[in-house]
Amino acid sequence: MGTTKTRILLLTGAIAICVVAGLLFLLKSDKAYALKEILFHNRYHKYDLLTEEAGAVYGVDPNLIRAVIWQESRFKPGTVGKHGERGLMQ
């Protein structure tokens, strides 16, 4: 009996997560970014505090910093550019 309740709770949670992810996807204008943000949430959001702090120190919108990171490395810190540049923002 407890197993059935556990399965129902897990299924309900999974459905709720899918609904929220779907809504977030629909609200974003860049669908490719939105999909990857949902699939790789930790990779994309582990730099939030760093981008907020850098934005405050340098007077730059943190969303601009995130946009540059997305464009240059897709939030992959080990990225190496064509001319040997390395890192998130290269």
N, C-alpha and C. Protein backbone atom coordinates (compact mmCIF):
# COMPACT_ATOMS: atom_id res chain seq x y z
N MET A 1 0.82 -1.19 0.00
CA MET A 1 0.00 0.00 0.00
C MET A 1 0.87 1.26 0.00
N GLY A 2 1.93 1.27 0.80
CA GLY A 2 2.83 2.41 0.83
C GLY A 2 3.52 2.61 -0.51
N THR A 3 3.75 1.54 -1.22
CA THR A 3 4.41 1.62 -2.51
C THR A 3 3.54 2.37 -3.52
N THR A 4 2.26 2.13 -3.51
CA THR A 4 1.35 2.81 -4.42
C THR A 4 1.31 4.30 -4.13
N LYS A 5 1.27 4.66 -2.86
CA LYS A 5 1.27 6.08 -2.49
C LYS A 5 2.57 6.75 -2.91
N THR A 6 3.67 6.06 -2.74
CA THR A 6 4.97 6.60 -3.15
C THR A 6 5.01 6.82 -4.65
N ARG A 7 4.52 5.86 -5.41
CA ARG A 7 4.49 5.99 -6.87
C ARG A 7 3.62 7.15 -7.31
N ILE A 8 2.48 7.31 -6.66
CA ILE A 8 1.59 8.42 -7.00
C ILE A 8 2.25 9.76 -6.71
N LEU A 9 2.92 9.85 -5.55
CA LEU A 9 3.63 11.09 -5.21
C LEU A 9 4.75 11.39 -6.19
N LEU A 10 5.52 10.37 -6.56
CA LEU A 10 6.59 10.56 -7.53
C LEU A 10 6.05 10.99 -8.89
N LEU A 11 4.97 10.36 -9.32
CA LEU A 11 4.36 10.69 -10.60
C LEU A 11 3.81 12.12 -10.57
N THR A 12 3.16 12.49 -9.48
CA THR A 12 2.63 13.85 -9.33
C THR A 12 3.77 14.87 -9.37
N GLY A 13 4.86 14.59 -8.67
CA GLY A 13 6.01 15.48 -8.69
C GLY A 13 6.61 15.62 -10.08
N ALA A 14 6.73 14.50 -10.78
CA ALA A 14 7.28 14.52 -12.14
C ALA A 14 6.39 15.33 -13.08
N ILE A 15 5.09 15.18 -12.94
CA ILE A 15 4.16 15.95 -13.77
C ILE A 15 4.29 17.44 -13.46
N ALA A 16 4.38 17.77 -12.18
CA ALA A 16 4.52 19.18 -11.79
C ALA A 16 5.80 19.78 -12.37
N ILE A 17 6.89 19.04 -12.31
CA ILE A 17 8.16 19.52 -12.86
C ILE A 17 8.03 19.72 -14.37
N CYS A 18 7.39 18.81 -15.06
CA CYS A 18 7.21 18.93 -16.50
C CYS A 18 6.35 20.15 -16.86
N VAL A 19 5.31 20.40 -16.08
CA VAL A 19 4.44 21.55 -16.34
C VAL A 19 5.21 22.85 -16.14
N VAL A 20 5.96 22.95 -15.05
CA VAL A 20 6.74 24.16 -14.79
C VAL A 20 7.80 24.36 -15.88
N ALA A 21 8.50 23.30 -16.24
CA ALA A 21 9.52 23.40 -17.29
C ALA A 21 8.88 23.81 -18.62
N GLY A 22 7.72 23.27 -18.92
CA GLY A 22 7.01 23.64 -20.15
C GLY A 22 6.62 25.11 -20.16
N LEU A 23 6.12 25.60 -19.04
CA LEU A 23 5.75 27.02 -18.95
C LEU A 23 6.96 27.92 -19.11
N LEU A 24 8.06 27.56 -18.45
CA LEU A 24 9.29 28.34 -18.59
C LEU A 24 9.75 28.36 -20.04
N PHE A 25 9.64 27.22 -20.70
CA PHE A 25 10.05 27.11 -22.10
C PHE A 25 9.20 28.02 -22.97
N LEU A 26 7.89 28.03 -22.74
CA LEU A 26 6.99 28.84 -23.55
C LEU A 26 7.20 30.34 -23.35
N LEU A 27 7.62 30.73 -22.15
CA LEU A 27 7.78 32.15 -21.84
C LEU A 27 9.09 32.74 -22.38
N LYS A 28 10.06 31.92 -22.70
CA LYS A 28 11.36 32.41 -23.18
C LYS A 28 11.29 32.67 -24.68
N SER A 29 11.94 33.74 -25.12
CA SER A 29 11.95 34.05 -26.55
C SER A 29 12.99 33.20 -27.29
N ASP A 30 14.08 32.85 -26.63
CA ASP A 30 15.12 32.02 -27.25
C ASP A 30 14.88 30.57 -26.82
N LYS A 31 14.23 29.82 -27.67
CA LYS A 31 13.83 28.45 -27.33
C LYS A 31 15.03 27.53 -27.13
N ALA A 32 16.09 27.71 -27.90
CA ALA A 32 17.28 26.86 -27.75
C ALA A 32 17.89 27.06 -26.37
N TYR A 33 18.00 28.33 -25.96
CA TYR A 33 18.54 28.63 -24.64
C TYR A 33 17.63 28.06 -23.56
N ALA A 34 16.33 28.26 -23.72
CA ALA A 34 15.37 27.80 -22.71
C ALA A 34 15.45 26.29 -22.53
N LEU A 35 15.52 25.55 -23.62
CA LEU A 35 15.58 24.09 -23.53
C LEU A 35 16.86 23.64 -22.83
N LYS A 36 17.98 24.23 -23.20
CA LYS A 36 19.25 23.84 -22.56
C LYS A 36 19.28 24.27 -21.10
N GLU A 37 18.66 25.41 -20.79
CA GLU A 37 18.60 25.86 -19.40
C GLU A 37 17.81 24.88 -18.55
N ILE A 38 16.76 24.32 -19.11
CA ILE A 38 15.96 23.32 -18.39
C ILE A 38 16.74 22.02 -18.24
N LEU A 39 17.36 21.56 -19.32
CA LEU A 39 18.07 20.29 -19.30
C LEU A 39 19.34 20.33 -18.46
N PHE A 40 20.04 21.47 -18.47
CA PHE A 40 21.33 21.60 -17.78
C PHE A 40 21.26 22.71 -16.73
N HIS A 41 20.24 22.69 -15.91
CA HIS A 41 19.96 23.76 -14.95
C HIS A 41 21.16 24.09 -14.07
N ASN A 42 21.82 23.09 -13.53
CA ASN A 42 22.96 23.35 -12.64
C ASN A 42 24.11 24.06 -13.35
N ARG A 43 24.39 23.65 -14.58
CA ARG A 43 25.48 24.27 -15.33
C ARG A 43 25.20 25.75 -15.60
N TYR A 44 23.95 26.08 -15.89
CA TYR A 44 23.60 27.44 -16.24
C TYR A 44 23.48 28.35 -15.03
N HIS A 45 23.04 27.81 -13.92
CA HIS A 45 22.75 28.66 -12.77
C HIS A 45 23.81 28.64 -11.68
N LYS A 46 24.84 27.84 -11.84
CA LYS A 46 25.86 27.84 -10.80
C LYS A 46 26.70 29.12 -10.83
N TYR A 47 26.58 29.92 -11.89
CA TYR A 47 27.33 31.16 -11.99
C TYR A 47 26.48 32.39 -11.66
N ASP A 48 25.24 32.20 -11.20
CA ASP A 48 24.36 33.33 -10.92
C ASP A 48 24.95 34.29 -9.89
N LEU A 49 25.46 33.77 -8.79
CA LEU A 49 26.02 34.63 -7.76
C LEU A 49 27.23 35.40 -8.30
N LEU A 50 28.08 34.72 -9.04
CA LEU A 50 29.27 35.35 -9.62
C LEU A 50 28.89 36.47 -10.59
N THR A 51 27.91 36.22 -11.45
CA THR A 51 27.51 37.26 -12.40
C THR A 51 26.83 38.43 -11.70
N GLU A 52 26.08 38.16 -10.65
CA GLU A 52 25.45 39.24 -9.87
C GLU A 52 26.53 40.11 -9.23
N GLU A 53 27.52 39.48 -8.62
CA GLU A 53 28.59 40.22 -7.97
C GLU A 53 29.42 41.04 -8.97
N ALA A 54 29.78 40.42 -10.09
CA ALA A 54 30.56 41.12 -11.11
C ALA A 54 29.76 42.29 -11.68
N GLY A 55 28.47 42.09 -11.88
CA GLY A 55 27.63 43.17 -12.37
C GLY A 55 27.59 44.34 -11.42
N ALA A 56 27.50 44.05 -10.12
CA ALA A 56 27.48 45.13 -9.12
C ALA A 56 28.81 45.86 -9.05
N VAL A 57 29.91 45.12 -9.10
CA VAL A 57 31.24 45.74 -9.01
C VAL A 57 31.52 46.62 -10.22
N TYR A 58 31.19 46.15 -11.42
CA TYR A 58 31.56 46.86 -12.64
C TYR A 58 30.42 47.68 -13.25
N GLY A 59 29.25 47.68 -12.59
CA GLY A 59 28.13 48.45 -13.10
C GLY A 59 27.57 47.94 -14.41
N VAL A 60 27.55 46.62 -14.55
CA VAL A 60 27.06 45.97 -15.77
C VAL A 60 25.86 45.10 -15.40
N ASP A 61 24.88 45.07 -16.26
CA ASP A 61 23.71 44.22 -16.03
C ASP A 61 24.15 42.76 -16.02
N PRO A 62 23.84 42.01 -14.95
CA PRO A 62 24.23 40.59 -14.88
C PRO A 62 23.68 39.77 -16.05
N ASN A 63 22.54 40.19 -16.59
CA ASN A 63 22.00 39.46 -17.75
C ASN A 63 22.88 39.64 -18.98
N LEU A 64 23.55 40.78 -19.09
CA LEU A 64 24.50 40.98 -20.19
C LEU A 64 25.70 40.05 -20.02
N ILE A 65 26.17 39.92 -18.80
CA ILE A 65 27.28 39.00 -18.52
C ILE A 65 26.88 37.58 -18.88
N ARG A 66 25.69 37.18 -18.48
CA ARG A 66 25.20 35.82 -18.80
C ARG A 66 25.06 35.64 -20.31
N ALA A 67 24.63 36.68 -21.01
CA ALA A 67 24.48 36.59 -22.46
C ALA A 67 25.83 36.39 -23.15
N VAL A 68 26.85 37.09 -22.66
CA VAL A 68 28.19 36.92 -23.22
C VAL A 68 28.69 35.50 -22.94
N ILE A 69 28.48 35.02 -21.72
CA ILE A 69 28.90 33.65 -21.38
C ILE A 69 28.19 32.65 -22.29
N TRP A 70 26.89 32.82 -22.49
CA TRP A 70 26.12 31.92 -23.35
C TRP A 70 26.68 31.94 -24.77
N GLN A 71 26.94 33.12 -25.29
CA GLN A 71 27.42 33.25 -26.66
C GLN A 71 28.82 32.66 -26.83
N GLU A 72 29.69 32.89 -25.87
CA GLU A 72 31.08 32.48 -26.00
C GLU A 72 31.35 31.02 -25.65
N SER A 73 30.64 30.49 -24.65
CA SER A 73 31.00 29.14 -24.19
C SER A 73 29.84 28.23 -23.84
N ARG A 74 28.62 28.72 -23.95
CA ARG A 74 27.45 27.93 -23.55
C ARG A 74 27.57 27.42 -22.12
N PHE A 75 28.20 28.25 -21.26
CA PHE A 75 28.38 27.95 -19.84
C PHE A 75 29.28 26.73 -19.59
N LYS A 76 30.15 26.43 -20.54
CA LYS A 76 31.12 25.35 -20.37
C LYS A 76 32.48 25.97 -20.07
N PRO A 77 32.96 25.87 -18.81
CA PRO A 77 34.19 26.57 -18.43
C PRO A 77 35.45 26.09 -19.14
N GLY A 78 35.45 24.91 -19.68
CA GLY A 78 36.63 24.38 -20.35
C GLY A 78 36.72 24.73 -21.83
N THR A 79 35.87 25.60 -22.30
CA THR A 79 35.83 25.94 -23.72
C THR A 79 37.13 26.63 -24.15
N VAL A 80 37.62 26.23 -25.32
CA VAL A 80 38.82 26.84 -25.91
C VAL A 80 38.42 27.41 -27.27
N GLY A 81 38.72 28.69 -27.49
CA GLY A 81 38.36 29.36 -28.74
C GLY A 81 39.33 29.05 -29.87
N LYS A 82 39.05 29.60 -31.04
CA LYS A 82 39.86 29.37 -32.24
C LYS A 82 41.30 29.84 -32.10
N HIS A 83 41.52 30.85 -31.27
CA HIS A 83 42.86 31.42 -31.13
C HIS A 83 43.48 31.10 -29.77
N GLY A 84 42.96 30.06 -29.12
CA GLY A 84 43.53 29.61 -27.86
C GLY A 84 42.94 30.27 -26.62
N GLU A 85 42.00 31.18 -26.78
CA GLU A 85 41.37 31.79 -25.63
C GLU A 85 40.58 30.74 -24.85
N ARG A 86 40.53 30.90 -23.53
CA ARG A 86 39.90 29.88 -22.69
C ARG A 86 38.92 30.51 -21.72
N GLY A 87 37.96 29.71 -21.31
CA GLY A 87 37.08 30.11 -20.23
C GLY A 87 35.67 30.46 -20.67
N LEU A 88 34.88 30.87 -19.70
CA LEU A 88 33.47 31.15 -19.93
C LEU A 88 33.24 32.30 -20.92
N MET A 89 33.98 33.41 -20.70
CA MET A 89 33.77 34.58 -21.54
C MET A 89 34.84 34.75 -22.60
N GLN A 90 35.88 33.95 -22.53
CA GLN A 90 36.98 33.96 -23.48
C GLN A 90 37.53 35.36 -23.65
